């Protein structure tokens, strides 16, 4: 099943979440959307985000519980109704998270019964294969299977910049990642209504990880319906 995930990042409030989810739920039901839609809100909104779609956490800790002020466990995400946990988004890697730490978070997600979306991607000027395959090798825990893990390829230089790789590059890079990992690979990096059709219908693309454009429900609807 094609996957489309909305990463709200640190945006939204209760009123926004309620209005957005009501509209999204109505749209999914009326349009008979076949893709699996996932909403990834900030942690305090997890109990507000409800509808005919999946929800997930933007991050989790590698321990089940303990003296980790400000953190959230995978166990609690599951308890709150999550099906997914985002692990290793480039913004968190830029804050200093290592691939080894991300693997520990993914393992905790698996142990809690969540599917992990593990993000990998190169910075501008970095070699794709050298960077991405090193991240892949170190970010996948031994618990990872095709049933509980999705890879999100997000070239860091494309996030929030409006720049995207060519369709040919996306197809080739996804093919390489899928061959090496054996997992589904979704694309993230400046996905918007204007390029959603081209990217979502490209070979080897199993879904989309949408950032800023997902905050506008009308834009997100267009992205959802872009795949033929």
Foldseek 3Di string as FASTA:
>chain_A
DFEAEEEADADDDLVLQQVLQVVVQVLCVVVVQPYAYEYEYAVVCLLRHDHPHAYEYAFAALDQDDDDPPGHHLLVRVVSRHQEYEFDDVVVVVVPDALQRSLSRCVRNVVNNHAYAYEFAEEPPDDTCVRRVVSVVNNHYPSDDQVRYEYEYEHPNQAPPLDDDDLVVLQVSLVVVCVVPVHQYAYEGNDWLVCLLSNCQRPSHRYYYYYPLVSDSVGVSSSSPSHD
